[in-house]
Amino acid sequence: MVDTERVATLPVETVSPAVLAVLSHLCEGDCHTFGGVLEWCEARGDCCQAVVCPVCAKQFVVDDDELAELLHWTDDQGQALVCGVRWD
């Protein structure tokens, strides 16, 4: 379960639970960093994404909408807080 009291920088009511879990780990946890996004696809074109913490290697599988939400949040707030996700 996510400790929502530690995430003072996030508008908890407007962030999905999966996104909140990723941002809580990357922005409020001990790692405090930008997570990398890994994507793998099957031959038929189905793709999955995961956010990976470069400090502890914890992984969060996210869907397309959650990834878009993470990238949008990082563009809006992550640069100032030095955390979020990077799609390289």
C-alpha atoms as a PDB file:
ATOM      1  CA  MET A   1       0.000   0.000   0.000  1.00  0.00           C
ATOM      2  CA  VAL A   2       1.200   3.506  -0.816  1.00  0.00           C
ATOM      3  CA  ASP A   3       1.830   5.890   2.057  1.00  0.00           C
ATOM      4  CA  THR A   4      -0.072   8.902   0.711  1.00  0.00           C
ATOM      5  CA  GLU A   5       0.927  11.126   3.637  1.00  0.00           C
ATOM      6  CA  ARG A   6       4.547  11.213   2.418  1.00  0.00           C
ATOM      7  CA  VAL A   7       3.560  12.421  -1.050  1.00  0.00           C
ATOM      8  CA  ALA A   8       2.973  16.056  -0.195  1.00  0.00           C
ATOM      9  CA  THR A   9       4.067  17.231  -3.648  1.00  0.00           C
ATOM     10  CA  LEU A  10       1.449  15.196  -5.546  1.00  0.00           C
ATOM     11  CA  PRO A  11      -2.216  16.068  -6.068  1.00  0.00           C
ATOM     12  CA  VAL A  12      -3.340  12.664  -4.797  1.00  0.00           C
ATOM     13  CA  GLU A  13      -6.957  13.057  -5.897  1.00  0.00           C
ATOM     14  CA  THR A  14      -5.995  13.567  -9.557  1.00  0.00           C
ATOM     15  CA  VAL A  15      -3.268  10.921  -9.878  1.00  0.00           C
ATOM     16  CA  SER A  16      -4.110   7.270 -10.569  1.00  0.00           C
ATOM     17  CA  PRO A  17      -3.040   4.710  -7.938  1.00  0.00           C
ATOM     18  CA  ALA A  18      -0.418   3.092 -10.207  1.00  0.00           C
ATOM     19  CA  VAL A  19       1.112   6.475 -11.039  1.00  0.00           C
ATOM     20  CA  LEU A  20       1.040   7.454  -7.376  1.00  0.00           C
ATOM     21  CA  ALA A  21       2.962   4.277  -6.483  1.00  0.00           C
ATOM     22  CA  VAL A  22       5.681   5.046  -9.057  1.00  0.00           C
ATOM     23  CA  LEU A  23       5.990   8.699  -8.060  1.00  0.00           C
ATOM     24  CA  SER A  24       5.940   7.876  -4.353  1.00  0.00           C
ATOM     25  CA  HIS A  25       8.914   5.581  -4.850  1.00  0.00           C
ATOM     26  CA  LEU A  26      10.864   7.896  -7.155  1.00  0.00           C
ATOM     27  CA  CYS A  27      10.077  11.250  -5.519  1.00  0.00           C
ATOM     28  CA  GLU A  28       9.440  10.545  -1.852  1.00  0.00           C
ATOM     29  CA  GLY A  29      11.373   7.353  -1.200  1.00  0.00           C
ATOM     30  CA  ASP A  30      15.024   6.825  -0.369  1.00  0.00           C
ATOM     31  CA  CYS A  31      16.022   6.489  -4.032  1.00  0.00           C
ATOM     32  CA  HIS A  32      14.852   9.982  -5.177  1.00  0.00           C
ATOM     33  CA  THR A  33      15.630   9.808  -8.872  1.00  0.00           C
ATOM     34  CA  PHE A  34      14.310   9.627 -12.412  1.00  0.00           C
ATOM     35  CA  GLY A  35      13.118   6.159 -13.390  1.00  0.00           C
ATOM     36  CA  GLY A  36      13.833   4.733 -16.805  1.00  0.00           C
ATOM     37  CA  VAL A  37      11.118   3.371 -19.072  1.00  0.00           C
ATOM     38  CA  LEU A  38      11.591  -0.033 -20.648  1.00  0.00           C
ATOM     39  CA  GLU A  39       9.339  -1.213 -23.445  1.00  0.00           C
ATOM     40  CA  TRP A  40       9.113  -4.676 -24.899  1.00  0.00           C
ATOM     41  CA  CYS A  41       6.890  -5.817 -27.735  1.00  0.00           C
ATOM     42  CA  GLU A  42       5.671  -9.151 -29.040  1.00  0.00           C
ATOM     43  CA  ALA A  43       5.906  -9.993 -32.723  1.00  0.00           C
ATOM     44  CA  ARG A  44       2.181  -9.267 -33.158  1.00  0.00           C
ATOM     45  CA  GLY A  45       2.649  -5.702 -31.972  1.00  0.00           C
ATOM     46  CA  ASP A  46       1.454  -5.900 -28.353  1.00  0.00           C
ATOM     47  CA  CYS A  47       3.751  -3.802 -26.187  1.00  0.00           C
ATOM     48  CA  CYS A  48       4.243  -3.383 -22.438  1.00  0.00           C
ATOM     49  CA  GLN A  49       6.121  -0.724 -20.500  1.00  0.00           C
ATOM     50  CA  ALA A  50       7.764  -0.749 -17.113  1.00  0.00           C
ATOM     51  CA  VAL A  51       9.327   2.013 -15.064  1.00  0.00           C
ATOM     52  CA  VAL A  52      12.582   0.867 -13.470  1.00  0.00           C
ATOM     53  CA  CYS A  53      14.276   2.608 -10.567  1.00  0.00           C
ATOM     54  CA  PRO A  54      18.005   2.881 -11.383  1.00  0.00           C
ATOM     55  CA  VAL A  55      18.969   2.900  -7.703  1.00  0.00           C
ATOM     56  CA  CYS A  56      17.229  -0.221  -6.362  1.00  0.00           C
ATOM     57  CA  ALA A  57      15.974  -1.837  -9.626  1.00  0.00           C
ATOM     58  CA  LYS A  58      12.345  -1.907  -8.460  1.00  0.00           C
ATOM     59  CA  GLN A  59      10.017  -2.229 -11.450  1.00  0.00           C
ATOM     60  CA  PHE A  60       6.491  -0.925 -12.019  1.00  0.00           C
ATOM     61  CA  VAL A  61       4.488  -2.208 -15.011  1.00  0.00           C
ATOM     62  CA  VAL A  62       2.334   0.613 -16.415  1.00  0.00           C
ATOM     63  CA  ASP A  63      -0.191   0.790 -19.226  1.00  0.00           C
ATOM     64  CA  ASP A  64      -0.212   3.401 -21.999  1.00  0.00           C
ATOM     65  CA  ASP A  65      -2.464   5.821 -20.093  1.00  0.00           C
ATOM     66  CA  GLU A  66      -0.396   5.555 -16.919  1.00  0.00           C
ATOM     67  CA  LEU A  67       2.831   6.133 -18.853  1.00  0.00           C
ATOM     68  CA  ALA A  68       1.323   9.210 -20.494  1.00  0.00           C
ATOM     69  CA  GLU A  69       0.252  10.457 -17.061  1.00  0.00           C
ATOM     70  CA  LEU A  70       3.766   9.882 -15.666  1.00  0.00           C
ATOM     71  CA  LEU A  71       5.408  11.692 -18.565  1.00  0.00           C
ATOM     72  CA  HIS A  72       2.962  14.601 -18.285  1.00  0.00           C
ATOM     73  CA  TRP A  73       3.546  14.896 -14.522  1.00  0.00           C
ATOM     74  CA  THR A  74       7.330  14.789 -15.037  1.00  0.00           C
ATOM     75  CA  ASP A  75       7.134  17.574 -17.629  1.00  0.00           C
ATOM     76  CA  ASP A  76       4.968  19.698 -15.312  1.00  0.00           C
ATOM     77  CA  GLN A  77       6.566  19.046 -11.927  1.00  0.00           C
ATOM     78  CA  GLY A  78       9.317  16.476 -12.066  1.00  0.00           C
ATOM     79  CA  GLN A  79      12.015  18.732 -13.440  1.00  0.00           C
ATOM     80  CA  ALA A  80      11.716  21.066 -10.445  1.00  0.00           C
ATOM     81  CA  LEU A  81      11.581  18.159  -7.973  1.00  0.00           C
ATOM     82  CA  VAL A  82      14.330  16.202  -9.770  1.00  0.00           C
ATOM     83  CA  CYS A  83      12.297  13.016 -10.005  1.00  0.00           C
ATOM     84  CA  GLY A  84       9.814  11.291 -12.263  1.00  0.00           C
ATOM     85  CA  VAL A  85      10.333   9.257 -15.419  1.00  0.00           C
ATOM     86  CA  ARG A  86      12.546   9.576 -18.468  1.00  0.00           C
ATOM     87  CA  TRP A  87      11.676   8.101 -21.829  1.00  0.00           C
ATOM     88  CA  ASP A  88      15.036   7.770 -23.562  1.00  0.00           C
END
